[in-house]
């Protein structure tokens, strides 16, 4: 079999990705951090995309919207779920499902992948627990330094004044 180097790497990449998929024990689509969703719970819708693009935009339904309910995301704790809902903001429909839209690509499949990547990014951001702010007070030395610099600045301005004042 005579294949060139890029076909060889494509073949190896396909074998590796198949091995990774066969070793994963997640029953649905893995979103990262131990979070996954059943593929049947992902609802994709397609419509015509706007903007420039000629005849292709006017004929083909490439704009993709993904709807998934936050309760369908398995492995996401309650606090992370609340952070996720807060992060999506107004991108929630009346039923409480998260709505993600992509229309940047020229094909449905590419826009579908872009929507899934957006969901993965949102989930990974929601998994990170923000640090709690610890209140701090200025030290006595920093207070004296600040007051001393104010005193010096005041003296400089006082010496600049005209004697008539």
C-alpha atoms as a PDB file:
ATOM      1  CA  UNK A   1       0.000   0.000   0.000  1.00  0.00           C
ATOM      2  CA  UNK A   2       1.559   3.255  -1.144  1.00  0.00           C
ATOM      3  CA  UNK A   3       0.262   6.275   0.831  1.00  0.00           C
ATOM      4  CA  UNK A   4       1.738   9.720   1.300  1.00  0.00           C
ATOM      5  CA  UNK A   5       2.632  11.207   4.674  1.00  0.00           C
ATOM      6  CA  UNK A   6      -0.567  13.237   5.228  1.00  0.00           C
ATOM      7  CA  UNK A   7      -2.766  10.212   4.479  1.00  0.00           C
ATOM      8  CA  UNK A   8      -0.673   8.265   6.984  1.00  0.00           C
ATOM      9  CA  UNK A   9      -1.240  10.876   9.715  1.00  0.00           C
ATOM     10  CA  UNK A  10      -4.962  11.059   8.912  1.00  0.00           C
ATOM     11  CA  UNK A  11      -5.169   7.286   9.208  1.00  0.00           C
ATOM     12  CA  UNK A  12      -3.314   7.300  12.540  1.00  0.00           C
ATOM     13  CA  UNK A  13      -5.475  10.182  13.833  1.00  0.00           C
ATOM     14  CA  UNK A  14      -8.635   8.256  12.961  1.00  0.00           C
ATOM     15  CA  UNK A  15      -7.358   5.142  14.734  1.00  0.00           C
ATOM     16  CA  UNK A  16      -6.410   7.127  17.856  1.00  0.00           C
ATOM     17  CA  UNK A  17      -9.763   8.932  18.009  1.00  0.00           C
ATOM     18  CA  UNK A  18     -11.576   5.603  17.604  1.00  0.00           C
ATOM     19  CA  UNK A  19      -9.492   4.155  20.443  1.00  0.00           C
ATOM     20  CA  UNK A  20     -10.264   7.132  22.694  1.00  0.00           C
ATOM     21  CA  UNK A  21     -13.987   6.835  21.958  1.00  0.00           C
ATOM     22  CA  UNK A  22     -13.971   3.100  22.642  1.00  0.00           C
ATOM     23  CA  UNK A  23     -12.223   3.589  26.005  1.00  0.00           C
ATOM     24  CA  UNK A  24     -14.550   6.306  27.232  1.00  0.00           C
ATOM     25  CA  UNK A  25     -17.220   4.935  29.523  1.00  0.00           C
ATOM     26  CA  UNK A  26     -19.583   7.867  29.044  1.00  0.00           C
ATOM     27  CA  UNK A  27     -22.919   6.787  27.563  1.00  0.00           C
ATOM     28  CA  UNK A  28     -23.558  10.102  25.780  1.00  0.00           C
ATOM     29  CA  UNK A  29     -21.593  13.107  24.612  1.00  0.00           C
ATOM     30  CA  UNK A  30     -18.745  14.054  26.975  1.00  0.00           C
ATOM     31  CA  UNK A  31     -18.614  17.781  27.708  1.00  0.00           C
ATOM     32  CA  UNK A  32     -15.519  17.721  29.916  1.00  0.00           C
ATOM     33  CA  UNK A  33     -14.882  17.526  33.639  1.00  0.00           C
ATOM     34  CA  UNK A  34     -16.948  14.362  34.037  1.00  0.00           C
ATOM     35  CA  UNK A  35     -20.058  16.059  32.630  1.00  0.00           C
ATOM     36  CA  UNK A  36     -21.990  14.364  29.850  1.00  0.00           C
ATOM     37  CA  UNK A  37     -25.363  14.557  28.140  1.00  0.00           C
ATOM     38  CA  UNK A  38     -27.450  11.956  26.296  1.00  0.00           C
ATOM     39  CA  UNK A  39     -27.268  12.580  22.566  1.00  0.00           C
ATOM     40  CA  UNK A  40     -31.059  12.255  22.348  1.00  0.00           C
ATOM     41  CA  UNK A  41     -31.435  15.214  24.742  1.00  0.00           C
ATOM     42  CA  UNK A  42     -29.603  17.569  22.375  1.00  0.00           C
ATOM     43  CA  UNK A  43     -32.224  19.218  20.156  1.00  0.00           C
ATOM     44  CA  UNK A  44     -30.835  20.746  16.990  1.00  0.00           C
ATOM     45  CA  UNK A  45     -32.847  23.098  14.814  1.00  0.00           C
ATOM     46  CA  UNK A  46     -31.867  24.534  11.444  1.00  0.00           C
ATOM     47  CA  UNK A  47     -32.898  27.690   9.611  1.00  0.00           C
ATOM     48  CA  UNK A  48     -31.623  30.039   6.948  1.00  0.00           C
ATOM     49  CA  UNK A  49     -28.610  32.067   7.956  1.00  0.00           C
ATOM     50  CA  UNK A  50     -28.529  35.825   7.474  1.00  0.00           C
ATOM     51  CA  UNK A  51     -25.860  38.125   6.153  1.00  0.00           C
ATOM     52  CA  UNK A  52     -23.801  38.075   2.963  1.00  0.00           C
ATOM     53  CA  UNK A  53     -23.061  34.864   1.107  1.00  0.00           C
ATOM     54  CA  UNK A  54     -24.934  34.917  -2.169  1.00  0.00           C
ATOM     55  CA  UNK A  55     -27.196  32.116  -3.314  1.00  0.00           C
ATOM     56  CA  UNK A  56     -25.978  29.626  -0.713  1.00  0.00           C
ATOM     57  CA  UNK A  57     -27.394  31.744   2.139  1.00  0.00           C
ATOM     58  CA  UNK A  58     -30.754  32.062   0.411  1.00  0.00           C
ATOM     59  CA  UNK A  59     -31.144  28.348  -0.353  1.00  0.00           C
ATOM     60  CA  UNK A  60     -29.552  26.319   2.436  1.00  0.00           C
ATOM     61  CA  UNK A  61     -30.599  25.978   6.090  1.00  0.00           C
ATOM     62  CA  UNK A  62     -27.174  26.188   7.735  1.00  0.00           C
ATOM     63  CA  UNK A  63     -27.920  28.267  10.842  1.00  0.00           C
ATOM     64  CA  UNK A  64     -28.020  25.878  13.773  1.00  0.00           C
ATOM     65  CA  UNK A  65     -29.571  26.277  17.179  1.00  0.00           C
ATOM     66  CA  UNK A  66     -28.948  23.812  19.991  1.00  0.00           C
ATOM     67  CA  UNK A  67     -31.370  23.403  22.881  1.00  0.00           C
ATOM     68  CA  UNK A  68     -30.484  21.442  25.988  1.00  0.00           C
ATOM     69  CA  UNK A  69     -32.043  21.562  29.425  1.00  0.00           C
ATOM     70  CA  UNK A  70     -29.557  22.063  32.296  1.00  0.00           C
ATOM     71  CA  UNK A  71     -31.114  19.133  34.188  1.00  0.00           C
ATOM     72  CA  UNK A  72     -30.058  16.818  31.340  1.00  0.00           C
ATOM     73  CA  UNK A  73     -26.370  17.530  31.994  1.00  0.00           C
ATOM     74  CA  UNK A  74     -25.187  14.592  34.102  1.00  0.00           C
ATOM     75  CA  UNK A  75     -22.242  15.037  36.470  1.00  0.00           C
ATOM     76  CA  UNK A  76     -22.866  18.750  37.005  1.00  0.00           C
ATOM     77  CA  UNK A  77     -23.322  19.683  40.663  1.00  0.00           C
ATOM     78  CA  UNK A  78     -25.985  22.128  41.828  1.00  0.00           C
ATOM     79  CA  UNK A  79     -23.666  25.118  42.256  1.00  0.00           C
ATOM     80  CA  UNK A  80     -22.096  24.587  38.829  1.00  0.00           C
ATOM     81  CA  UNK A  81     -25.571  24.256  37.305  1.00  0.00           C
ATOM     82  CA  UNK A  82     -26.559  27.602  38.842  1.00  0.00           C
ATOM     83  CA  UNK A  83     -23.334  29.195  37.540  1.00  0.00           C
ATOM     84  CA  UNK A  84     -24.104  27.779  34.090  1.00  0.00           C
ATOM     85  CA  UNK A  85     -27.624  29.236  34.088  1.00  0.00           C
ATOM     86  CA  UNK A  86     -26.221  32.572  35.245  1.00  0.00           C
ATOM     87  CA  UNK A  87     -23.536  32.467  32.531  1.00  0.00           C
ATOM     88  CA  UNK A  88     -25.976  31.897  29.670  1.00  0.00           C
ATOM     89  CA  UNK A  89     -28.068  34.871  30.794  1.00  0.00           C
ATOM     90  CA  UNK A  90     -30.910  35.552  28.373  1.00  0.00           C
ATOM     91  CA  UNK A  91     -30.119  32.551  26.177  1.00  0.00           C
ATOM     92  CA  UNK A  92     -32.757  30.476  27.996  1.00  0.00           C
ATOM     93  CA  UNK A  93     -36.153  29.778  26.448  1.00  0.00           C
ATOM     94  CA  UNK A  94     -39.534  29.651  28.193  1.00  0.00           C
ATOM     95  CA  UNK A  95     -39.127  25.929  28.952  1.00  0.00           C
ATOM     96  CA  UNK A  96     -35.818  26.579  30.752  1.00  0.00           C
ATOM     97  CA  UNK A  97     -33.623  25.093  28.025  1.00  0.00           C
ATOM     98  CA  UNK A  98     -30.304  26.680  27.086  1.00  0.00           C
ATOM     99  CA  UNK A  99     -30.334  27.915  23.474  1.00  0.00           C
ATOM    100  CA  UNK A 100     -27.012  28.213  21.634  1.00  0.00           C
ATOM    101  CA  UNK A 101     -26.900  29.496  18.048  1.00  0.00           C
ATOM    102  CA  UNK A 102     -24.187  29.265  15.411  1.00  0.00           C
ATOM    103  CA  UNK A 103     -24.351  30.606  11.868  1.00  0.00           C
ATOM    104  CA  UNK A 104     -20.689  31.358  11.139  1.00  0.00           C
ATOM    105  CA  UNK A 105     -19.928  28.219   9.135  1.00  0.00           C
ATOM    106  CA  UNK A 106     -21.157  27.245   5.662  1.00  0.00           C
ATOM    107  CA  UNK A 107     -22.470  23.777   6.554  1.00  0.00           C
ATOM    108  CA  UNK A 108     -24.962  22.399   9.054  1.00  0.00           C
ATOM    109  CA  UNK A 109     -22.426  19.937  10.410  1.00  0.00           C
ATOM    110  CA  UNK A 110     -19.820  22.628  11.059  1.00  0.00           C
ATOM    111  CA  UNK A 111     -22.414  24.818  12.810  1.00  0.00           C
ATOM    112  CA  UNK A 112     -23.590  21.817  14.836  1.00  0.00           C
ATOM    113  CA  UNK A 113     -20.009  21.213  15.983  1.00  0.00           C
ATOM    114  CA  UNK A 114     -19.646  24.921  16.815  1.00  0.00           C
ATOM    115  CA  UNK A 115     -22.783  24.777  19.002  1.00  0.00           C
ATOM    116  CA  UNK A 116     -21.458  21.737  20.857  1.00  0.00           C
ATOM    117  CA  UNK A 117     -18.106  23.496  21.370  1.00  0.00           C
ATOM    118  CA  UNK A 118     -19.938  26.522  22.797  1.00  0.00           C
ATOM    119  CA  UNK A 119     -21.767  24.197  25.203  1.00  0.00           C
ATOM    120  CA  UNK A 120     -18.472  22.549  26.217  1.00  0.00           C
ATOM    121  CA  UNK A 121     -16.923  25.963  26.862  1.00  0.00           C
ATOM    122  CA  UNK A 122     -19.882  27.099  28.988  1.00  0.00           C
ATOM    123  CA  UNK A 123     -19.821  23.871  31.011  1.00  0.00           C
ATOM    124  CA  UNK A 124     -16.066  24.092  31.597  1.00  0.00           C
ATOM    125  CA  UNK A 125     -16.436  27.693  32.780  1.00  0.00           C
ATOM    126  CA  UNK A 126     -19.307  26.721  35.085  1.00  0.00           C
ATOM    127  CA  UNK A 127     -17.235  23.907  36.619  1.00  0.00           C
ATOM    128  CA  UNK A 128     -14.646  26.409  37.899  1.00  0.00           C
ATOM    129  CA  UNK A 129     -15.657  27.624  41.329  1.00  0.00           C
ATOM    130  CA  UNK A 130     -14.746  31.277  41.810  1.00  0.00           C
ATOM    131  CA  UNK A 131     -12.402  32.170  44.635  1.00  0.00           C
ATOM    132  CA  UNK A 132     -13.985  33.810  47.617  1.00  0.00           C
ATOM    133  CA  UNK A 133     -12.717  37.319  48.257  1.00  0.00           C
ATOM    134  CA  UNK A 134     -10.949  37.754  51.557  1.00  0.00           C
ATOM    135  CA  UNK A 135     -11.282  41.175  53.079  1.00  0.00           C
ATOM    136  CA  UNK A 136      -7.954  42.802  53.829  1.00  0.00           C
ATOM    137  CA  UNK A 137      -7.087  45.928  55.735  1.00  0.00           C
ATOM    138  CA  UNK A 138      -4.142  48.212  55.055  1.00  0.00           C
ATOM    139  CA  UNK A 139      -1.220  47.731  57.419  1.00  0.00           C
ATOM    140  CA  UNK A 140      -0.157  50.452  59.830  1.00  0.00           C
ATOM    141  CA  UNK A 141       3.072  50.999  57.851  1.00  0.00           C
ATOM    142  CA  UNK A 142       1.170  51.493  54.581  1.00  0.00           C
ATOM    143  CA  UNK A 143      -1.133  54.016  56.282  1.00  0.00           C
ATOM    144  CA  UNK A 144       1.845  56.011  57.605  1.00  0.00           C
ATOM    145  CA  UNK A 145       3.539  55.902  54.153  1.00  0.00           C
ATOM    146  CA  UNK A 146       0.367  57.195  52.497  1.00  0.00           C
ATOM    147  CA  UNK A 147      -0.057  60.004  55.042  1.00  0.00           C
ATOM    148  CA  UNK A 148       3.629  60.942  54.787  1.00  0.00           C
ATOM    149  CA  UNK A 149       3.438  61.187  50.977  1.00  0.00           C
ATOM    150  CA  UNK A 150       0.336  63.365  51.329  1.00  0.00           C
ATOM    151  CA  UNK A 151       2.195  65.598  53.781  1.00  0.00           C
ATOM    152  CA  UNK A 152       5.167  65.935  51.427  1.00  0.00           C
ATOM    153  CA  UNK A 153       2.892  66.754  48.484  1.00  0.00           C
ATOM    154  CA  UNK A 154       1.057  69.321  50.611  1.00  0.00           C
ATOM    155  CA  UNK A 155       4.373  70.976  51.548  1.00  0.00           C
ATOM    156  CA  UNK A 156       5.409  71.156  47.884  1.00  0.00           C
ATOM    157  CA  UNK A 157       2.146  72.855  46.956  1.00  0.00           C
ATOM    158  CA  UNK A 158       2.362  75.223  49.937  1.00  0.00           C
ATOM    159  CA  UNK A 159       5.841  76.395  48.899  1.00  0.00           C
ATOM    160  CA  UNK A 160       4.573  77.143  45.370  1.00  0.00           C
ATOM    161  CA  UNK A 161       1.944  79.591  46.604  1.00  0.00           C
ATOM    162  CA  UNK A 162       2.534  83.298  46.268  1.00  0.00           C
ATOM    163  CA  UNK A 163       3.286  85.104  49.548  1.00  0.00           C
ATOM    164  CA  UNK A 164       0.261  87.430  49.109  1.00  0.00           C
ATOM    165  CA  UNK A 165      -2.189  84.640  49.918  1.00  0.00           C
END
